[in-house]
Amino acid sequence: MQIESIFTQYDIANYCNLKREYISVLLRRLAGRRIIRIKPKPWTVLDMEALRDYISETSF
């Protein structure tokens, strides 16, 4: 699944009522686990099941 490249870290942070810096850390953490790919854009979810697991274990 690709995330449209029109979305920025700022847009996501604004929508979630979080700081952009937190979104940056979160994206890097997910990329490090190979759950998403952030470079090159568009961002791509590589493993939806792992993303669901990450969300449920971190209570995000």
C-alpha atoms as a PDB file:
ATOM      1  CA  MET A   1       0.000   0.000   0.000  1.00  0.00           C
ATOM      2  CA  GLN A   2       1.373   3.391  -0.942  1.00  0.00           C
ATOM      3  CA  ILE A   3       0.749   6.565   1.012  1.00  0.00           C
ATOM      4  CA  GLU A   4       0.148   9.450  -1.347  1.00  0.00           C
ATOM      5  CA  SER A   5       3.180  11.679  -1.655  1.00  0.00           C
ATOM      6  CA  ILE A   6       1.023  14.756  -1.083  1.00  0.00           C
ATOM      7  CA  PHE A   7       1.063  13.903   2.641  1.00  0.00           C
ATOM      8  CA  THR A   8       3.953  15.265   4.643  1.00  0.00           C
ATOM      9  CA  GLN A   9       5.123  14.477   8.156  1.00  0.00           C
ATOM     10  CA  TYR A  10       3.609  17.804   9.170  1.00  0.00           C
ATOM     11  CA  ASP A  11       0.216  16.836   7.688  1.00  0.00           C
ATOM     12  CA  ILE A  12       0.182  13.516   9.533  1.00  0.00           C
ATOM     13  CA  ALA A  13       1.283  15.130  12.788  1.00  0.00           C
ATOM     14  CA  ASN A  14      -1.378  17.792  12.455  1.00  0.00           C
ATOM     15  CA  TYR A  15      -4.086  15.218  11.756  1.00  0.00           C
ATOM     16  CA  CYS A  16      -3.015  13.090  14.759  1.00  0.00           C
ATOM     17  CA  ASN A  17      -2.438  16.108  17.017  1.00  0.00           C
ATOM     18  CA  LEU A  18       1.208  15.126  17.503  1.00  0.00           C
ATOM     19  CA  LYS A  19       4.520  16.880  16.962  1.00  0.00           C
ATOM     20  CA  ARG A  20       6.184  16.459  13.588  1.00  0.00           C
ATOM     21  CA  GLU A  21       9.363  15.285  15.327  1.00  0.00           C
ATOM     22  CA  TYR A  22       7.448  12.368  16.870  1.00  0.00           C
ATOM     23  CA  ILE A  23       6.139  11.355  13.451  1.00  0.00           C
ATOM     24  CA  SER A  24       9.696  11.454  12.111  1.00  0.00           C
ATOM     25  CA  VAL A  25      10.906   9.137  14.882  1.00  0.00           C
ATOM     26  CA  LEU A  26       7.946   6.816  14.374  1.00  0.00           C
ATOM     27  CA  LEU A  27       8.491   6.603  10.605  1.00  0.00           C
ATOM     28  CA  ARG A  28      12.198   5.835  11.084  1.00  0.00           C
ATOM     29  CA  ARG A  29      11.352   3.161  13.671  1.00  0.00           C
ATOM     30  CA  LEU A  30       8.840   1.528  11.317  1.00  0.00           C
ATOM     31  CA  ALA A  31      11.319   1.728   8.442  1.00  0.00           C
ATOM     32  CA  GLY A  32      14.003   0.132  10.624  1.00  0.00           C
ATOM     33  CA  ARG A  33      11.667  -2.797  11.261  1.00  0.00           C
ATOM     34  CA  ARG A  34      10.976  -2.964   7.514  1.00  0.00           C
ATOM     35  CA  ILE A  35       7.289  -2.347   8.083  1.00  0.00           C
ATOM     36  CA  ILE A  36       7.312   0.705   5.817  1.00  0.00           C
ATOM     37  CA  ARG A  37       9.656   2.181   3.236  1.00  0.00           C
ATOM     38  CA  ILE A  38      10.058   5.944   3.481  1.00  0.00           C
ATOM     39  CA  LYS A  39      12.660   6.517   0.777  1.00  0.00           C
ATOM     40  CA  PRO A  40      12.037   7.192  -2.004  1.00  0.00           C
ATOM     41  CA  LYS A  41       8.574   8.712  -1.782  1.00  0.00           C
ATOM     42  CA  PRO A  42       5.807   7.700  -1.908  1.00  0.00           C
ATOM     43  CA  TRP A  43       5.978   5.946   1.441  1.00  0.00           C
ATOM     44  CA  THR A  44       4.991   2.316   1.155  1.00  0.00           C
ATOM     45  CA  VAL A  45       3.569  -0.042   3.751  1.00  0.00           C
ATOM     46  CA  LEU A  46       5.525  -3.254   3.194  1.00  0.00           C
ATOM     47  CA  ASP A  47       3.898  -5.421   5.857  1.00  0.00           C
ATOM     48  CA  MET A  48       0.362  -4.504   6.890  1.00  0.00           C
ATOM     49  CA  GLU A  49       0.135  -7.314   9.451  1.00  0.00           C
ATOM     50  CA  ALA A  50       3.346  -6.174  11.153  1.00  0.00           C
ATOM     51  CA  LEU A  51       1.967  -2.625  11.187  1.00  0.00           C
ATOM     52  CA  ARG A  52      -1.223  -3.845  12.886  1.00  0.00           C
ATOM     53  CA  ASP A  53       0.856  -5.755  15.427  1.00  0.00           C
ATOM     54  CA  TYR A  54       3.033  -2.701  16.090  1.00  0.00           C
ATOM     55  CA  ILE A  55      -0.026  -0.524  16.649  1.00  0.00           C
ATOM     56  CA  SER A  56      -1.626  -3.015  19.030  1.00  0.00           C
ATOM     57  CA  GLU A  57       1.562  -3.605  21.060  1.00  0.00           C
ATOM     58  CA  THR A  58       2.351   0.099  21.422  1.00  0.00           C
ATOM     59  CA  SER A  59      -1.249   1.231  22.008  1.00  0.00           C
ATOM     60  CA  PHE A  60      -0.738   3.877  19.369  1.00  0.00           C
END
